[in-house]
Amino acid sequence: MELAFRHAFAEGRTRAVLIGSDIPDLPTSVVSGAFRALDGNDAVIGPARDGGYYLVGFRSDTFLPGIFRGIPWSTATVLADTLAVFEREGRKVHRLSLWRDVDTIDDLKDLMDRSRNSNFSSSLTMAYLAGAKTTFFSAEVRDAKV
């Protein structure tokens, strides 16, 4: 992640946001809001329900590579540990709304449930899940409504 930010800023970008690849239903309005939040903050972060984060962003003049170092990744304390680094460095961080990423079968079921009556229900991801669940997933997931 650090290298991605370094690359973006070396190419002349003044703001950059990284999002996780395990949040297929994240609305574009959240990403747009993250960029807007950088107008008045040093950084932006989107907390995930599992204790991590699904999005992080910086302005080029406030980039803090230290948030990626010494963090025990894939633990329930990633967000808290990252926020502690921001606080130690005196950085102003905008927190986005809580979102659930997809790491487990329960997360996948939750995605399918929460997407049933949303704009995401007609996405290619949901179409794939509807077709693939009979082939690849257990009876518990196959029986879930998409």
N, C-alpha and C. Protein backbone atom coordinates (compact mmCIF):
# COMPACT_ATOMS: atom_id res chain seq x y z
N MET A 1 0.83 -1.19 0.00
CA MET A 1 0.00 0.00 0.00
C MET A 1 0.87 1.25 0.00
N GLU A 2 1.91 1.19 0.80
CA GLU A 2 2.83 2.33 0.84
C GLU A 2 3.39 2.62 -0.55
N LEU A 3 3.80 1.59 -1.24
CA LEU A 3 4.37 1.78 -2.58
C LEU A 3 3.34 2.33 -3.56
N ALA A 4 2.10 1.91 -3.43
CA ALA A 4 1.05 2.44 -4.31
C ALA A 4 0.88 3.94 -4.11
N PHE A 5 0.87 4.38 -2.86
CA PHE A 5 0.79 5.82 -2.59
C PHE A 5 2.03 6.54 -3.12
N ARG A 6 3.19 5.99 -2.86
CA ARG A 6 4.43 6.62 -3.34
C ARG A 6 4.39 6.78 -4.86
N HIS A 7 3.93 5.74 -5.54
CA HIS A 7 3.85 5.78 -7.01
C HIS A 7 2.87 6.86 -7.46
N ALA A 8 1.69 6.88 -6.85
CA ALA A 8 0.68 7.88 -7.24
C ALA A 8 1.20 9.30 -7.05
N PHE A 9 1.84 9.54 -5.92
CA PHE A 9 2.34 10.89 -5.65
C PHE A 9 3.55 11.23 -6.53
N ALA A 10 4.37 10.23 -6.85
CA ALA A 10 5.51 10.47 -7.75
C ALA A 10 5.03 10.83 -9.15
N GLU A 11 3.85 10.33 -9.52
CA GLU A 11 3.27 10.67 -10.83
C GLU A 11 2.58 12.03 -10.83
N GLY A 12 2.61 12.71 -9.70
CA GLY A 12 2.05 14.06 -9.65
C GLY A 12 0.64 14.16 -9.09
N ARG A 13 0.07 13.07 -8.64
CA ARG A 13 -1.27 13.13 -8.03
C ARG A 13 -1.17 13.92 -6.72
N THR A 14 -2.18 14.71 -6.42
CA THR A 14 -2.17 15.46 -5.18
C THR A 14 -2.98 14.76 -4.09
N ARG A 15 -3.84 13.84 -4.48
CA ARG A 15 -4.63 13.04 -3.54
C ARG A 15 -4.74 11.63 -4.09
N ALA A 16 -4.76 10.66 -3.19
CA ALA A 16 -4.92 9.26 -3.61
C ALA A 16 -5.67 8.50 -2.53
N VAL A 17 -6.49 7.57 -2.98
CA VAL A 17 -7.28 6.73 -2.10
C VAL A 17 -7.12 5.29 -2.56
N LEU A 18 -6.87 4.40 -1.60
CA LEU A 18 -6.82 2.96 -1.88
C LEU A 18 -8.04 2.31 -1.26
N ILE A 19 -8.66 1.40 -2.01
CA ILE A 19 -9.79 0.66 -1.46
C ILE A 19 -9.48 -0.83 -1.56
N GLY A 20 -10.06 -1.59 -0.63
CA GLY A 20 -9.86 -3.03 -0.63
C GLY A 20 -10.57 -3.68 -1.79
N SER A 21 -10.05 -4.79 -2.21
CA SER A 21 -10.68 -5.54 -3.31
C SER A 21 -11.78 -6.46 -2.80
N ASP A 22 -12.00 -6.47 -1.48
CA ASP A 22 -13.00 -7.36 -0.90
C ASP A 22 -14.25 -6.62 -0.44
N ILE A 23 -14.57 -5.52 -1.12
CA ILE A 23 -15.78 -4.74 -0.82
C ILE A 23 -16.50 -4.40 -2.12
N PRO A 24 -17.01 -5.41 -2.80
CA PRO A 24 -17.56 -5.17 -4.14
C PRO A 24 -18.78 -4.26 -4.17
N ASP A 25 -19.47 -4.10 -3.05
CA ASP A 25 -20.68 -3.28 -3.05
C ASP A 25 -20.48 -1.87 -2.52
N LEU A 26 -19.24 -1.46 -2.37
CA LEU A 26 -18.98 -0.11 -1.87
C LEU A 26 -19.48 0.92 -2.89
N PRO A 27 -20.38 1.79 -2.49
CA PRO A 27 -20.91 2.78 -3.44
C PRO A 27 -19.84 3.79 -3.86
N THR A 28 -19.93 4.24 -5.08
CA THR A 28 -18.99 5.25 -5.56
C THR A 28 -19.09 6.53 -4.74
N SER A 29 -20.26 6.77 -4.15
CA SER A 29 -20.42 7.98 -3.33
C SER A 29 -19.49 7.95 -2.12
N VAL A 30 -19.17 6.78 -1.60
CA VAL A 30 -18.25 6.68 -0.47
C VAL A 30 -16.84 7.07 -0.92
N VAL A 31 -16.45 6.60 -2.09
CA VAL A 31 -15.12 6.93 -2.62
C VAL A 31 -15.04 8.43 -2.92
N SER A 32 -16.07 8.97 -3.54
CA SER A 32 -16.10 10.41 -3.81
C SER A 32 -16.03 11.21 -2.52
N GLY A 33 -16.76 10.73 -1.51
CA GLY A 33 -16.73 11.39 -0.21
C GLY A 33 -15.36 11.35 0.43
N ALA A 34 -14.64 10.26 0.21
CA ALA A 34 -13.28 10.14 0.74
C ALA A 34 -12.38 11.20 0.12
N PHE A 35 -12.48 11.38 -1.19
CA PHE A 35 -11.67 12.42 -1.84
C PHE A 35 -12.04 13.80 -1.33
N ARG A 36 -13.33 14.05 -1.15
CA ARG A 36 -13.76 15.36 -0.63
C ARG A 36 -13.24 15.58 0.79
N ALA A 37 -13.23 14.51 1.59
CA ALA A 37 -12.77 14.62 2.98
C ALA A 37 -11.30 15.05 3.06
N LEU A 38 -10.54 14.74 2.02
CA LEU A 38 -9.13 15.12 2.01
C LEU A 38 -8.93 16.62 1.84
N ASP A 39 -9.98 17.34 1.46
CA ASP A 39 -9.86 18.79 1.36
C ASP A 39 -9.58 19.44 2.70
N GLY A 40 -10.12 18.87 3.79
CA GLY A 40 -9.94 19.48 5.09
C GLY A 40 -9.28 18.59 6.13
N ASN A 41 -8.72 17.47 5.68
CA ASN A 41 -8.10 16.52 6.59
C ASN A 41 -6.78 16.02 6.02
N ASP A 42 -5.93 15.52 6.90
CA ASP A 42 -4.65 14.96 6.47
C ASP A 42 -4.82 13.59 5.82
N ALA A 43 -5.84 12.87 6.28
CA ALA A 43 -6.06 11.51 5.78
C ALA A 43 -7.53 11.16 5.94
N VAL A 44 -7.90 10.07 5.31
CA VAL A 44 -9.25 9.53 5.43
C VAL A 44 -9.12 8.02 5.59
N ILE A 45 -10.02 7.44 6.39
CA ILE A 45 -9.99 5.99 6.60
C ILE A 45 -11.42 5.48 6.72
N GLY A 46 -11.66 4.31 6.16
CA GLY A 46 -12.96 3.67 6.24
C GLY A 46 -12.89 2.43 7.10
N PRO A 47 -13.46 2.46 8.29
CA PRO A 47 -13.40 1.31 9.18
C PRO A 47 -14.23 0.14 8.69
N ALA A 48 -13.67 -1.05 8.80
CA ALA A 48 -14.38 -2.28 8.46
C ALA A 48 -14.88 -2.94 9.75
N ARG A 49 -15.95 -3.67 9.65
CA ARG A 49 -16.55 -4.30 10.83
C ARG A 49 -15.63 -5.29 11.52
N ASP A 50 -14.65 -5.81 10.81
CA ASP A 50 -13.78 -6.83 11.40
C ASP A 50 -12.58 -6.25 12.14
N GLY A 51 -12.53 -4.91 12.28
CA GLY A 51 -11.42 -4.28 12.99
C GLY A 51 -10.33 -3.75 12.09
N GLY A 52 -10.48 -3.96 10.81
CA GLY A 52 -9.52 -3.42 9.85
C GLY A 52 -10.09 -2.17 9.20
N TYR A 53 -9.64 -1.90 7.99
CA TYR A 53 -10.22 -0.80 7.23
C TYR A 53 -10.31 -1.19 5.77
N TYR A 54 -11.29 -0.59 5.09
CA TYR A 54 -11.54 -0.91 3.68
C TYR A 54 -11.03 0.17 2.74
N LEU A 55 -10.64 1.32 3.28
CA LEU A 55 -10.20 2.44 2.45
C LEU A 55 -9.25 3.29 3.28
N VAL A 56 -8.24 3.79 2.63
CA VAL A 56 -7.34 4.77 3.26
C VAL A 56 -6.90 5.74 2.17
N GLY A 57 -6.79 7.00 2.55
CA GLY A 57 -6.40 8.00 1.57
C GLY A 57 -5.60 9.13 2.19
N PHE A 58 -4.81 9.77 1.34
CA PHE A 58 -3.93 10.87 1.76
C PHE A 58 -3.88 11.94 0.69
N ARG A 59 -3.47 13.13 1.11
CA ARG A 59 -2.98 14.14 0.18
C ARG A 59 -1.49 13.92 0.06
N SER A 60 -0.91 14.35 -1.03
CA SER A 60 0.53 14.15 -1.22
C SER A 60 1.35 14.85 -0.14
N ASP A 61 0.88 15.99 0.34
CA ASP A 61 1.63 16.72 1.35
C ASP A 61 1.41 16.21 2.78
N THR A 62 0.52 15.24 2.96
CA THR A 62 0.26 14.70 4.30
C THR A 62 0.46 13.19 4.37
N PHE A 63 1.04 12.62 3.34
CA PHE A 63 1.25 11.17 3.30
C PHE A 63 2.10 10.73 4.49
N LEU A 64 1.66 9.67 5.15
CA LEU A 64 2.34 9.16 6.34
C LEU A 64 2.62 7.67 6.15
N PRO A 65 3.79 7.32 5.59
CA PRO A 65 4.09 5.91 5.33
C PRO A 65 4.14 5.06 6.59
N GLY A 66 4.35 5.68 7.74
CA GLY A 66 4.45 4.94 8.99
C GLY A 66 3.20 4.16 9.36
N ILE A 67 2.06 4.51 8.78
CA ILE A 67 0.84 3.76 9.13
C ILE A 67 0.86 2.34 8.58
N PHE A 68 1.77 2.04 7.69
CA PHE A 68 1.85 0.70 7.12
C PHE A 68 2.96 -0.14 7.75
N ARG A 69 3.67 0.41 8.69
CA ARG A 69 4.82 -0.28 9.28
C ARG A 69 4.52 -0.67 10.73
N GLY A 70 4.87 -1.90 11.06
CA GLY A 70 4.69 -2.37 12.43
C GLY A 70 3.26 -2.69 12.80
N ILE A 71 2.38 -2.74 11.84
CA ILE A 71 0.97 -3.06 12.10
C ILE A 71 0.79 -4.57 12.02
N PRO A 72 0.15 -5.19 13.01
CA PRO A 72 -0.13 -6.62 12.92
C PRO A 72 -1.32 -6.87 11.97
N TRP A 73 -1.02 -7.06 10.70
CA TRP A 73 -2.06 -7.19 9.67
C TRP A 73 -2.93 -8.42 9.91
N SER A 74 -4.13 -8.38 9.38
CA SER A 74 -5.11 -9.46 9.48
C SER A 74 -5.49 -9.75 10.92
N THR A 75 -5.55 -8.72 11.73
CA THR A 75 -6.01 -8.86 13.11
C THR A 75 -7.16 -7.89 13.35
N ALA A 76 -7.83 -8.06 14.46
CA ALA A 76 -8.96 -7.20 14.81
C ALA A 76 -8.52 -5.82 15.30
N THR A 77 -7.19 -5.57 15.36
CA THR A 77 -6.70 -4.29 15.87
C THR A 77 -6.06 -3.41 14.80
N VAL A 78 -6.17 -3.81 13.54
CA VAL A 78 -5.53 -3.04 12.47
C VAL A 78 -6.00 -1.58 12.48
N LEU A 79 -7.29 -1.35 12.54
CA LEU A 79 -7.80 0.02 12.53
C LEU A 79 -7.31 0.78 13.75
N ALA A 80 -7.46 0.20 14.93
CA ALA A 80 -7.03 0.87 16.16
C ALA A 80 -5.53 1.18 16.14
N ASP A 81 -4.74 0.22 15.68
CA ASP A 81 -3.30 0.44 15.61
C ASP A 81 -2.94 1.54 14.62
N THR A 82 -3.65 1.57 13.51
CA THR A 82 -3.41 2.60 12.49
C THR A 82 -3.81 3.97 13.01
N LEU A 83 -4.98 4.04 13.65
CA LEU A 83 -5.42 5.32 14.22
C LEU A 83 -4.47 5.81 15.30
N ALA A 84 -3.86 4.90 16.03
CA ALA A 84 -2.89 5.29 17.06
C ALA A 84 -1.67 5.96 16.42
N VAL A 85 -1.25 5.46 15.25
CA VAL A 85 -0.13 6.09 14.55
C VAL A 85 -0.52 7.50 14.11
N PHE A 86 -1.70 7.64 13.54
CA PHE A 86 -2.17 8.97 13.14
C PHE A 86 -2.18 9.92 14.34
N GLU A 87 -2.70 9.45 15.47
CA GLU A 87 -2.79 10.29 16.65
C GLU A 87 -1.40 10.68 17.16
N ARG A 88 -0.49 9.72 17.21
CA ARG A 88 0.89 10.01 17.65
C ARG A 88 1.53 11.09 16.79
N GLU A 89 1.20 11.06 15.50
CA GLU A 89 1.79 12.02 14.56
C GLU A 89 1.00 13.32 14.48
N GLY A 90 -0.08 13.42 15.24
CA GLY A 90 -0.88 14.64 15.26
C GLY A 90 -1.64 14.91 13.98
N ARG A 91 -2.04 13.84 13.29
CA ARG A 91 -2.74 13.99 12.01
C ARG A 91 -4.25 14.04 12.18
N LYS A 92 -4.89 14.87 11.38
CA LYS A 92 -6.34 14.99 11.38
C LYS A 92 -6.89 13.97 10.37
N VAL A 93 -7.67 13.02 10.88
CA VAL A 93 -8.17 11.91 10.05
C VAL A 93 -9.69 11.92 10.03
N HIS A 94 -10.25 11.87 8.85
CA HIS A 94 -11.70 11.76 8.69
C HIS A 94 -12.06 10.28 8.63
N ARG A 95 -13.01 9.86 9.47
CA ARG A 95 -13.47 8.48 9.46
C ARG A 95 -14.76 8.37 8.67
N LEU A 96 -14.77 7.47 7.71
CA LEU A 96 -15.96 7.20 6.91
C LEU A 96 -16.89 6.26 7.68
N SER A 97 -18.01 5.94 7.09
CA SER A 97 -18.95 5.03 7.73
C SER A 97 -18.40 3.60 7.75
N LEU A 98 -18.86 2.85 8.71
CA LEU A 98 -18.48 1.46 8.87
C LEU A 98 -18.98 0.65 7.68
N TRP A 99 -18.15 -0.27 7.18
CA TRP A 99 -18.55 -1.13 6.05
C TRP A 99 -18.09 -2.54 6.34
N ARG A 100 -18.75 -3.51 5.75
CA ARG A 100 -18.36 -4.91 5.95
C ARG A 100 -17.69 -5.44 4.70
N ASP A 101 -16.45 -5.87 4.85
CA ASP A 101 -15.76 -6.47 3.72
C ASP A 101 -16.10 -7.96 3.66
N VAL A 102 -15.58 -8.65 2.67
CA VAL A 102 -15.92 -10.06 2.47
C VAL A 102 -14.66 -10.89 2.66
N ASP A 103 -14.54 -11.47 3.86
CA ASP A 103 -13.41 -12.32 4.19
C ASP A 103 -13.81 -13.76 4.47
N THR A 104 -15.06 -13.96 4.89
CA THR A 104 -15.52 -15.28 5.32
C THR A 104 -16.82 -15.62 4.61
N ILE A 105 -17.25 -16.87 4.79
CA ILE A 105 -18.52 -17.28 4.19
C ILE A 105 -19.68 -16.49 4.81
N ASP A 106 -19.58 -16.16 6.10
CA ASP A 106 -20.62 -15.33 6.73
C ASP A 106 -20.66 -13.94 6.11
N ASP A 107 -19.49 -13.40 5.79
CA ASP A 107 -19.44 -12.09 5.12
C ASP A 107 -20.08 -12.17 3.74
N LEU A 108 -19.85 -13.28 3.04
CA LEU A 108 -20.43 -13.47 1.71
C LEU A 108 -21.95 -13.57 1.81
N LYS A 109 -22.43 -14.31 2.80
CA LYS A 109 -23.88 -14.40 3.00
C LYS A 109 -24.46 -13.03 3.33
N ASP A 110 -23.76 -12.26 4.15
CA ASP A 110 -24.21 -10.92 4.48
C ASP A 110 -24.27 -10.04 3.23
N LEU A 111 -23.26 -10.13 2.38
CA LEU A 111 -23.26 -9.38 1.12
C LEU A 111 -24.48 -9.73 0.30
N MET A 112 -24.76 -11.00 0.19
CA MET A 112 -25.91 -11.45 -0.61
C MET A 112 -27.22 -10.94 0.01
N ASP A 113 -27.33 -11.00 1.33
CA ASP A 113 -28.54 -10.53 2.00
C ASP A 113 -28.73 -9.03 1.86
N ARG A 114 -27.68 -8.26 2.14
CA ARG A 114 -27.84 -6.81 2.14
C ARG A 114 -27.97 -6.24 0.73
N SER A 115 -27.59 -7.03 -0.26
CA SER A 115 -27.64 -6.54 -1.64
C SER A 115 -28.94 -6.88 -2.35
N ARG A 116 -29.74 -7.71 -1.73
CA ARG A 116 -30.95 -8.22 -2.39
C ARG A 116 -31.84 -7.11 -2.93
N ASN A 117 -32.04 -6.03 -2.19
CA ASN A 117 -32.94 -4.96 -2.61
C ASN A 117 -32.19 -3.65 -2.89
N SER A 118 -30.97 -3.76 -3.35
CA SER A 118 -30.17 -2.56 -3.61
C SER A 118 -29.82 -2.48 -5.10
N ASN A 119 -29.19 -1.39 -5.48
CA ASN A 119 -28.71 -1.25 -6.86
C ASN A 119 -27.68 -2.32 -7.19
N PHE A 120 -26.96 -2.79 -6.18
CA PHE A 120 -25.92 -3.79 -6.38
C PHE A 120 -26.50 -5.16 -6.77
N SER A 121 -27.80 -5.36 -6.53
CA SER A 121 -28.42 -6.65 -6.83
C SER A 121 -28.33 -7.00 -8.32
N SER A 122 -28.21 -5.99 -9.18
CA SER A 122 -28.12 -6.25 -10.61
C SER A 122 -26.68 -6.22 -11.13
N SER A 123 -25.72 -6.25 -10.21
CA SER A 123 -24.31 -6.19 -10.60
C SER A 123 -23.83 -7.52 -11.17
N LEU A 124 -22.72 -7.48 -11.87
CA LEU A 124 -22.11 -8.71 -12.38
C LEU A 124 -21.66 -9.62 -11.24
N THR A 125 -21.24 -9.03 -10.13
CA THR A 125 -20.83 -9.83 -8.97
C THR A 125 -22.00 -10.66 -8.47
N MET A 126 -23.15 -10.04 -8.32
CA MET A 126 -24.32 -10.77 -7.82
C MET A 126 -24.79 -11.80 -8.85
N ALA A 127 -24.69 -11.48 -10.13
CA ALA A 127 -25.06 -12.45 -11.16
C ALA A 127 -24.13 -13.66 -11.10
N TYR A 128 -22.86 -13.40 -10.91
CA TYR A 128 -21.89 -14.50 -10.80
C TYR A 128 -22.21 -15.36 -9.57
N LEU A 129 -22.45 -14.71 -8.44
CA LEU A 129 -22.75 -15.46 -7.22
C LEU A 129 -24.02 -16.30 -7.38
N ALA A 130 -25.02 -15.75 -8.05
CA ALA A 130 -26.25 -16.50 -8.27
C ALA A 130 -25.99 -17.76 -9.09
N GLY A 131 -25.13 -17.64 -10.10
CA GLY A 131 -24.82 -18.80 -10.94
C GLY A 131 -23.83 -19.74 -10.31
N ALA A 132 -22.86 -19.21 -9.60
CA ALA A 132 -21.79 -20.03 -9.05
C ALA A 132 -22.17 -20.74 -7.76
N LYS A 133 -23.14 -20.23 -7.06
CA LYS A 133 -23.41 -20.82 -5.75
C LYS A 133 -23.88 -22.27 -5.84
N THR A 134 -24.51 -22.65 -6.92
CA THR A 134 -24.94 -24.04 -7.03
C THR A 134 -23.77 -24.98 -7.34
N THR A 135 -22.73 -24.45 -7.91
CA THR A 135 -21.57 -25.26 -8.28
C THR A 135 -20.50 -25.30 -7.20
N PHE A 136 -20.22 -24.16 -6.59
CA PHE A 136 -19.05 -24.05 -5.72
C PHE A 136 -19.33 -24.00 -4.23
N PHE A 137 -20.54 -23.67 -3.84
CA PHE A 137 -20.79 -23.41 -2.43
C PHE A 137 -21.57 -24.52 -1.75
N SER A 138 -21.50 -24.52 -0.43
CA SER A 138 -22.22 -25.50 0.37
C SER A 138 -23.72 -25.29 0.27
N ALA A 139 -24.47 -26.28 0.74
CA ALA A 139 -25.92 -26.19 0.70
C ALA A 139 -26.41 -24.97 1.46
N GLU A 140 -25.73 -24.59 2.54
CA GLU A 140 -26.12 -23.43 3.34
C GLU A 140 -26.11 -22.16 2.49
N VAL A 141 -25.08 -22.00 1.67
CA VAL A 141 -24.99 -20.82 0.81
C VAL A 141 -25.88 -20.97 -0.42
N ARG A 142 -25.94 -22.16 -0.98
CA ARG A 142 -26.80 -22.37 -2.16
C ARG A 142 -28.24 -22.01 -1.88
N ASP A 143 -28.68 -22.23 -0.64
CA ASP A 143 -30.05 -21.96 -0.30
C ASP A 143 -30.33 -20.48 0.03
N ALA A 144 -29.27 -19.70 0.16
CA ALA A 144 -29.44 -18.27 0.42
C ALA A 144 -30.00 -17.59 -0.82
N LYS A 145 -30.85 -16.62 -0.61
CA LYS A 145 -31.45 -15.91 -1.75
C LYS A 145 -30.50 -14.84 -2.23
N VAL A 146 -30.37 -14.72 -3.55
CA VAL A 146 -29.54 -13.68 -4.14
C VAL A 146 -30.45 -12.68 -4.80
